[in-house]
Amino acid sequence: MGGQFGNWIRALQYDRYENTLWIGRFKYLTKYDLKNKKYDDIDLTIGKNDKANSVKTIAIDGDSLLWIGVEAGLHKIIKNLRDQNGNEKIVYFDSKESYFMGESDQVSISKILPDKNFIWFGTDEFVTSENPEFNVGGLFRFDRKINWIKFSEYNKLNANGIFSLEETGNYIWTSVYKFDPQSKGAIGQGVFLINKKNIEHKKKLKVI
C-alpha cells in the first residue's frame, strides 16, 4: 500500500561533469550512469539513524563536490577522493559540535544552494511542546570552512521553516513557513529577498 519507499523520489540532480543522474530517494541515494545505463545505490545511514539515509535535496558544487541534504543532517561527497572500497569519499555533518551552529537536536535539510563564495542551506522547522529543540529551522550561510551565519525569525525573516531557495544576481529568494505544533502542518509566510552583499533583507513579497 502506497508503493515502496525506494520509489519515493524526492530529488534529482544531473552531474554534467560525470554524465550521471543523482537520485534522492526516501531510502538511499542512487547514482545512475547515463552512458552505461547502470544504477548504483548508496546507503547513507549513520549508525542506526535511518533518517540520515532519507534524502530530501541534492546540489552540485563545482566539478568535485556533491551535497546531499537528508532528514538528519548533510552529506558531502568528494568525487575526486576514494575510500578503501573505491567509492567516492563521503563526509557527514549534523547539528553536533559547531555545524549548523549546534542549535537543534536534529537538522533536516530542505534546500541547498551553492554560490561562488558560500553555500546556503534551508532547513525544516518541526517542534513540539514536548521537544521544542527538535528541528528549529532557519536559513544558514556557510563559507565552506568554519563560519556560519543564521537567518531566522529572530533577525531577518518572520519564520523559521524554509521551503526553497533561489539566486538571482546579488539576491537570495527565500520562501518561508511557520510550523504549527497543534496541526503539525506548515503555514506559508511568503517570500523574502536577502541581499548577499550587505546581508540586508527586503520586505516580504506578496505572492499571488
C-alpha atoms as a PDB file:
ATOM      1  CA  MET A   1       0.000   0.000   0.000  1.00  0.00           C
ATOM      2  CA  GLY A   2       1.398   3.356  -1.050  1.00  0.00           C
ATOM      3  CA  GLY A   3       4.264   1.848  -3.024  1.00  0.00           C
ATOM      4  CA  GLN A   4       7.814   1.109  -1.959  1.00  0.00           C
ATOM      5  CA  PHE A   5       9.821   3.776  -0.150  1.00  0.00           C
ATOM      6  CA  GLY A   6      12.582   3.279  -2.711  1.00  0.00           C
ATOM      7  CA  ASN A   7      10.204   4.605  -5.377  1.00  0.00           C
ATOM      8  CA  TRP A   8       9.535   7.807  -3.457  1.00  0.00           C
ATOM      9  CA  ILE A   9      11.834  10.159  -5.396  1.00  0.00           C
ATOM     10  CA  ARG A  10      12.442  13.439  -3.591  1.00  0.00           C
ATOM     11  CA  ALA A  11      15.337  14.956  -5.526  1.00  0.00           C
ATOM     12  CA  LEU A  12      17.055  14.743  -8.913  1.00  0.00           C
ATOM     13  CA  GLN A  13      20.367  16.333  -9.887  1.00  0.00           C
ATOM     14  CA  TYR A  14      22.213  15.930 -13.184  1.00  0.00           C
ATOM     15  CA  ASP A  15      26.017  15.943 -12.953  1.00  0.00           C
ATOM     16  CA  ARG A  16      27.362  17.159 -16.286  1.00  0.00           C
ATOM     17  CA  TYR A  17      30.950  16.548 -15.197  1.00  0.00           C
ATOM     18  CA  GLU A  18      30.391  12.783 -14.966  1.00  0.00           C
ATOM     19  CA  ASN A  19      27.245  12.424 -17.101  1.00  0.00           C
ATOM     20  CA  THR A  20      25.389  10.875 -14.206  1.00  0.00           C
ATOM     21  CA  LEU A  21      22.000  11.466 -12.618  1.00  0.00           C
ATOM     22  CA  TRP A  22      21.855  11.515  -8.827  1.00  0.00           C
ATOM     23  CA  ILE A  23      18.511  10.292  -7.484  1.00  0.00           C
ATOM     24  CA  GLY A  24      17.484  11.133  -3.931  1.00  0.00           C
ATOM     25  CA  ARG A  25      15.048   8.592  -2.531  1.00  0.00           C
ATOM     26  CA  PHE A  26      13.161   8.204   0.726  1.00  0.00           C
ATOM     27  CA  LYS A  27      15.643   5.420   1.359  1.00  0.00           C
ATOM     28  CA  TYR A  28      19.078   5.530  -0.289  1.00  0.00           C
ATOM     29  CA  LEU A  29      20.888   7.750  -2.749  1.00  0.00           C
ATOM     30  CA  THR A  30      21.206   6.323  -6.264  1.00  0.00           C
ATOM     31  CA  LYS A  31      23.810   7.178  -8.900  1.00  0.00           C
ATOM     32  CA  TYR A  32      22.713   6.485 -12.466  1.00  0.00           C
ATOM     33  CA  ASP A  33      25.394   6.281 -15.160  1.00  0.00           C
ATOM     34  CA  LEU A  34      23.658   7.568 -18.308  1.00  0.00           C
ATOM     35  CA  LYS A  35      26.284   6.160 -20.674  1.00  0.00           C
ATOM     36  CA  ASN A  36      26.333   2.617 -19.300  1.00  0.00           C
ATOM     37  CA  LYS A  37      22.728   2.692 -18.022  1.00  0.00           C
ATOM     38  CA  LYS A  38      23.853   1.411 -14.639  1.00  0.00           C
ATOM     39  CA  TYR A  39      22.364   2.120 -11.207  1.00  0.00           C
ATOM     40  CA  ASP A  40      24.426   2.149  -8.003  1.00  0.00           C
ATOM     41  CA  ASP A  41      22.687   2.518  -4.649  1.00  0.00           C
ATOM     42  CA  ILE A  42      24.494   4.277  -1.799  1.00  0.00           C
ATOM     43  CA  ASP A  43      23.471   3.670   1.797  1.00  0.00           C
ATOM     44  CA  LEU A  44      23.941   6.907   3.763  1.00  0.00           C
ATOM     45  CA  THR A  45      22.829   5.513   7.114  1.00  0.00           C
ATOM     46  CA  ILE A  46      24.900   6.765  10.048  1.00  0.00           C
ATOM     47  CA  GLY A  47      24.970   4.360  12.969  1.00  0.00           C
ATOM     48  CA  LYS A  48      21.370   3.257  13.399  1.00  0.00           C
ATOM     49  CA  ASN A  49      19.883   6.548  12.237  1.00  0.00           C
ATOM     50  CA  ASP A  50      17.772   5.774   9.152  1.00  0.00           C
ATOM     51  CA  LYS A  51      16.905   9.464   8.749  1.00  0.00           C
ATOM     52  CA  ALA A  52      20.492  10.060   7.617  1.00  0.00           C
ATOM     53  CA  ASN A  53      19.609   7.825   4.647  1.00  0.00           C
ATOM     54  CA  SER A  54      16.395   9.675   3.742  1.00  0.00           C
ATOM     55  CA  VAL A  55      17.312  12.165   1.004  1.00  0.00           C
ATOM     56  CA  LYS A  56      15.474  15.474   0.633  1.00  0.00           C
ATOM     57  CA  THR A  57      17.650  17.615  -1.645  1.00  0.00           C
ATOM     58  CA  ILE A  58      20.826  17.399  -3.777  1.00  0.00           C
ATOM     59  CA  ALA A  59      23.171  20.087  -5.118  1.00  0.00           C
ATOM     60  CA  ILE A  60      26.244  20.025  -7.370  1.00  0.00           C
ATOM     61  CA  ASP A  61      29.033  22.309  -6.125  1.00  0.00           C
ATOM     62  CA  GLY A  62      31.599  22.707  -8.890  1.00  0.00           C
ATOM     63  CA  ASP A  63      33.254  19.698 -10.506  1.00  0.00           C
ATOM     64  CA  SER A  64      34.301  17.876  -7.335  1.00  0.00           C
ATOM     65  CA  LEU A  65      31.631  18.263  -4.637  1.00  0.00           C
ATOM     66  CA  LEU A  66      28.105  16.997  -4.206  1.00  0.00           C
ATOM     67  CA  TRP A  67      25.941  17.957  -1.223  1.00  0.00           C
ATOM     68  CA  ILE A  68      23.150  15.642  -0.066  1.00  0.00           C
ATOM     69  CA  GLY A  69      20.584  17.038   2.365  1.00  0.00           C
ATOM     70  CA  VAL A  70      18.792  14.410   4.439  1.00  0.00           C
ATOM     71  CA  GLU A  71      16.261  14.342   7.260  1.00  0.00           C
ATOM     72  CA  ALA A  72      19.026  14.120   9.842  1.00  0.00           C
ATOM     73  CA  GLY A  73      21.866  16.231   8.505  1.00  0.00           C
ATOM     74  CA  LEU A  74      24.083  16.677   5.492  1.00  0.00           C
ATOM     75  CA  HIS A  75      26.453  14.523   3.454  1.00  0.00           C
ATOM     76  CA  LYS A  76      29.319  15.944   1.383  1.00  0.00           C
ATOM     77  CA  ILE A  77      30.526  13.665  -1.399  1.00  0.00           C
ATOM     78  CA  ILE A  78      34.082  14.404  -2.543  1.00  0.00           C
ATOM     79  CA  LYS A  79      34.153  12.897  -6.000  1.00  0.00           C
ATOM     80  CA  ASN A  80      37.915  13.067  -6.586  1.00  0.00           C
ATOM     81  CA  LEU A  81      38.724  11.190  -3.369  1.00  0.00           C
ATOM     82  CA  ARG A  82      38.083   7.477  -2.877  1.00  0.00           C
ATOM     83  CA  ASP A  83      37.591   5.320   0.184  1.00  0.00           C
ATOM     84  CA  GLN A  84      39.077   1.867   0.734  1.00  0.00           C
ATOM     85  CA  ASN A  85      36.322   0.326  -1.409  1.00  0.00           C
ATOM     86  CA  GLY A  86      36.962   2.639  -4.340  1.00  0.00           C
ATOM     87  CA  ASN A  87      33.816   4.712  -3.771  1.00  0.00           C
ATOM     88  CA  GLU A  88      33.570   8.482  -3.517  1.00  0.00           C
ATOM     89  CA  LYS A  89      34.542   9.790  -0.081  1.00  0.00           C
ATOM     90  CA  ILE A  90      31.543  10.902   1.984  1.00  0.00           C
ATOM     91  CA  VAL A  91      31.704  13.298   4.951  1.00  0.00           C
ATOM     92  CA  TYR A  92      28.709  13.639   7.287  1.00  0.00           C
ATOM     93  CA  PHE A  93      27.594  16.791   9.106  1.00  0.00           C
ATOM     94  CA  ASP A  94      24.828  17.160  11.672  1.00  0.00           C
ATOM     95  CA  SER A  95      23.923  19.657  14.395  1.00  0.00           C
ATOM     96  CA  LYS A  96      26.616  18.427  16.778  1.00  0.00           C
ATOM     97  CA  GLU A  97      29.698  20.490  17.585  1.00  0.00           C
ATOM     98  CA  SER A  98      29.604  23.751  15.593  1.00  0.00           C
ATOM     99  CA  TYR A  99      27.799  22.595  12.459  1.00  0.00           C
ATOM    100  CA  PHE A 100      24.563  24.488  11.840  1.00  0.00           C
ATOM    101  CA  MET A 101      25.505  26.417  14.995  1.00  0.00           C
ATOM    102  CA  GLY A 102      24.522  23.394  17.102  1.00  0.00           C
ATOM    103  CA  GLU A 103      21.079  24.752  17.963  1.00  0.00           C
ATOM    104  CA  SER A 104      18.839  21.786  17.043  1.00  0.00           C
ATOM    105  CA  ASP A 105      18.633  18.265  18.351  1.00  0.00           C
ATOM    106  CA  GLN A 106      18.467  17.324  14.676  1.00  0.00           C
ATOM    107  CA  VAL A 107      18.711  19.267  11.430  1.00  0.00           C
ATOM    108  CA  SER A 108      16.596  18.419   8.376  1.00  0.00           C
ATOM    109  CA  ILE A 109      17.822  19.984   5.122  1.00  0.00           C
ATOM    110  CA  SER A 110      15.082  21.233   2.794  1.00  0.00           C
ATOM    111  CA  LYS A 111      17.182  23.026   0.142  1.00  0.00           C
ATOM    112  CA  ILE A 112      20.854  23.524  -0.777  1.00  0.00           C
ATOM    113  CA  LEU A 113      22.071  26.465  -2.864  1.00  0.00           C
ATOM    114  CA  PRO A 114      25.811  26.854  -3.626  1.00  0.00           C
ATOM    115  CA  ASP A 115      27.086  30.167  -4.944  1.00  0.00           C
ATOM    116  CA  LYS A 116      30.551  31.482  -5.748  1.00  0.00           C
ATOM    117  CA  ASN A 117      31.662  32.264  -2.196  1.00  0.00           C
ATOM    118  CA  PHE A 118      29.226  30.481   0.105  1.00  0.00           C
ATOM    119  CA  ILE A 119      26.756  27.664   0.323  1.00  0.00           C
ATOM    120  CA  TRP A 120      23.223  28.249   1.616  1.00  0.00           C
ATOM    121  CA  PHE A 121      21.191  25.654   3.497  1.00  0.00           C
ATOM    122  CA  GLY A 122      17.462  25.865   4.068  1.00  0.00           C
ATOM    123  CA  THR A 123      16.246  23.747   6.969  1.00  0.00           C
ATOM    124  CA  ASP A 124      12.895  22.479   8.194  1.00  0.00           C
ATOM    125  CA  GLU A 125      11.090  23.585  11.308  1.00  0.00           C
ATOM    126  CA  PHE A 126       9.460  20.800  13.314  1.00  0.00           C
ATOM    127  CA  VAL A 127       8.965  21.423  17.022  1.00  0.00           C
ATOM    128  CA  THR A 128       6.512  20.300  19.679  1.00  0.00           C
ATOM    129  CA  SER A 129       5.823  21.327  23.275  1.00  0.00           C
ATOM    130  CA  GLU A 130       7.477  18.091  24.361  1.00  0.00           C
ATOM    131  CA  ASN A 131      10.538  18.643  22.171  1.00  0.00           C
ATOM    132  CA  PRO A 132      10.936  22.366  21.366  1.00  0.00           C
ATOM    133  CA  GLU A 133      14.513  21.938  20.100  1.00  0.00           C
ATOM    134  CA  PHE A 134      13.984  19.037  17.688  1.00  0.00           C
ATOM    135  CA  ASN A 135      14.207  20.882  14.327  1.00  0.00           C
ATOM    136  CA  VAL A 136      14.302  24.619  14.977  1.00  0.00           C
ATOM    137  CA  GLY A 137      14.732  25.542  11.307  1.00  0.00           C
ATOM    138  CA  GLY A 138      16.392  28.591   9.764  1.00  0.00           C
ATOM    139  CA  LEU A 139      18.452  29.594   6.737  1.00  0.00           C
ATOM    140  CA  PHE A 140      22.221  29.096   7.078  1.00  0.00           C
ATOM    141  CA  ARG A 141      25.120  30.585   5.137  1.00  0.00           C
ATOM    142  CA  PHE A 142      28.354  28.550   5.304  1.00  0.00           C
ATOM    143  CA  ASP A 143      31.761  29.671   3.985  1.00  0.00           C
ATOM    144  CA  ARG A 144      32.816  26.053   3.337  1.00  0.00           C
ATOM    145  CA  LYS A 145      35.372  26.384   6.155  1.00  0.00           C
ATOM    146  CA  ILE A 146      34.165  27.042   9.719  1.00  0.00           C
ATOM    147  CA  ASN A 147      31.966  30.132   9.682  1.00  0.00           C
ATOM    148  CA  TRP A 148      28.166  30.022   9.836  1.00  0.00           C
ATOM    149  CA  ILE A 149      25.526  32.785   9.742  1.00  0.00           C
ATOM    150  CA  LYS A 150      21.889  32.059  10.503  1.00  0.00           C
ATOM    151  CA  PHE A 151      18.755  33.872   9.335  1.00  0.00           C
ATOM    152  CA  SER A 152      15.520  33.223  11.204  1.00  0.00           C
ATOM    153  CA  GLU A 153      12.534  34.957  12.790  1.00  0.00           C
ATOM    154  CA  TYR A 154      14.942  36.422  15.334  1.00  0.00           C
ATOM    155  CA  ASN A 155      16.821  38.558  12.822  1.00  0.00           C
ATOM    156  CA  LYS A 156      15.969  38.694   9.101  1.00  0.00           C
ATOM    157  CA  LEU A 157      12.926  36.506   8.460  1.00  0.00           C
ATOM    158  CA  ASN A 158       9.477  36.213  10.005  1.00  0.00           C
ATOM    159  CA  ALA A 159       9.507  32.399  10.132  1.00  0.00           C
ATOM    160  CA  ASN A 160      11.992  29.583  10.700  1.00  0.00           C
ATOM    161  CA  GLY A 161      10.881  26.973   8.186  1.00  0.00           C
ATOM    162  CA  ILE A 162      12.463  27.134   4.732  1.00  0.00           C
ATOM    163  CA  PHE A 163      10.646  25.660   1.743  1.00  0.00           C
ATOM    164  CA  SER A 164      13.011  26.630  -1.081  1.00  0.00           C
ATOM    165  CA  LEU A 165      15.846  28.921  -2.230  1.00  0.00           C
ATOM    166  CA  GLU A 166      16.891  30.523  -5.500  1.00  0.00           C
ATOM    167  CA  GLU A 167      19.570  33.007  -6.552  1.00  0.00           C
ATOM    168  CA  THR A 168      19.297  35.935  -8.960  1.00  0.00           C
ATOM    169  CA  GLY A 169      22.239  38.320  -9.130  1.00  0.00           C
ATOM    170  CA  ASN A 170      23.061  39.525  -5.624  1.00  0.00           C
ATOM    171  CA  TYR A 171      19.849  38.244  -4.078  1.00  0.00           C
ATOM    172  CA  ILE A 172      18.736  35.031  -2.436  1.00  0.00           C
ATOM    173  CA  TRP A 173      14.992  34.369  -2.756  1.00  0.00           C
ATOM    174  CA  THR A 174      13.734  32.551   0.329  1.00  0.00           C
ATOM    175  CA  SER A 175      10.276  31.023   0.728  1.00  0.00           C
ATOM    176  CA  VAL A 176       9.410  30.540   4.390  1.00  0.00           C
ATOM    177  CA  TYR A 177       6.800  28.926   6.625  1.00  0.00           C
ATOM    178  CA  LYS A 178       5.806  28.594  10.243  1.00  0.00           C
ATOM    179  CA  PHE A 179       5.268  25.166  11.739  1.00  0.00           C
ATOM    180  CA  ASP A 180       2.046  24.723  13.699  1.00  0.00           C
ATOM    181  CA  PRO A 181       2.661  22.291  16.601  1.00  0.00           C
ATOM    182  CA  GLN A 182      -1.060  21.641  17.019  1.00  0.00           C
ATOM    183  CA  SER A 183      -1.885  20.647  13.450  1.00  0.00           C
ATOM    184  CA  LYS A 184       1.716  19.565  12.736  1.00  0.00           C
ATOM    185  CA  GLY A 185       1.481  21.397   9.434  1.00  0.00           C
ATOM    186  CA  ALA A 186       3.289  24.210   7.632  1.00  0.00           C
ATOM    187  CA  ILE A 187       1.762  27.690   7.302  1.00  0.00           C
ATOM    188  CA  GLY A 188       3.257  29.623   4.389  1.00  0.00           C
ATOM    189  CA  GLN A 189       4.645  33.071   5.163  1.00  0.00           C
ATOM    190  CA  GLY A 190       5.616  34.283   1.698  1.00  0.00           C
ATOM    191  CA  VAL A 191       8.934  35.052   0.034  1.00  0.00           C
ATOM    192  CA  PHE A 192      11.839  37.173   1.245  1.00  0.00           C
ATOM    193  CA  LEU A 193      14.812  38.656  -0.609  1.00  0.00           C
ATOM    194  CA  ILE A 194      18.227  38.659   1.067  1.00  0.00           C
ATOM    195  CA  ASN A 195      20.950  40.912  -0.311  1.00  0.00           C
ATOM    196  CA  LYS A 196      24.151  38.838  -0.330  1.00  0.00           C
ATOM    197  CA  LYS A 197      26.432  41.880  -0.409  1.00  0.00           C
ATOM    198  CA  ASN A 198      25.277  43.597   2.753  1.00  0.00           C
ATOM    199  CA  ILE A 199      23.098  40.870   4.328  1.00  0.00           C
ATOM    200  CA  GLU A 200      20.056  43.091   4.334  1.00  0.00           C
ATOM    201  CA  HIS A 201      16.628  41.687   3.614  1.00  0.00           C
ATOM    202  CA  LYS A 202      13.937  43.301   1.548  1.00  0.00           C
ATOM    203  CA  LYS A 203      10.373  43.410   2.732  1.00  0.00           C
ATOM    204  CA  LYS A 204       8.160  40.386   2.375  1.00  0.00           C
ATOM    205  CA  LEU A 205       6.841  39.944  -1.154  1.00  0.00           C
ATOM    206  CA  LYS A 206       3.196  39.371  -1.855  1.00  0.00           C
ATOM    207  CA  VAL A 207       2.756  36.038  -3.580  1.00  0.00           C
ATOM    208  CA  ILE A 208      -0.202  35.849  -5.971  1.00  0.00           C
END
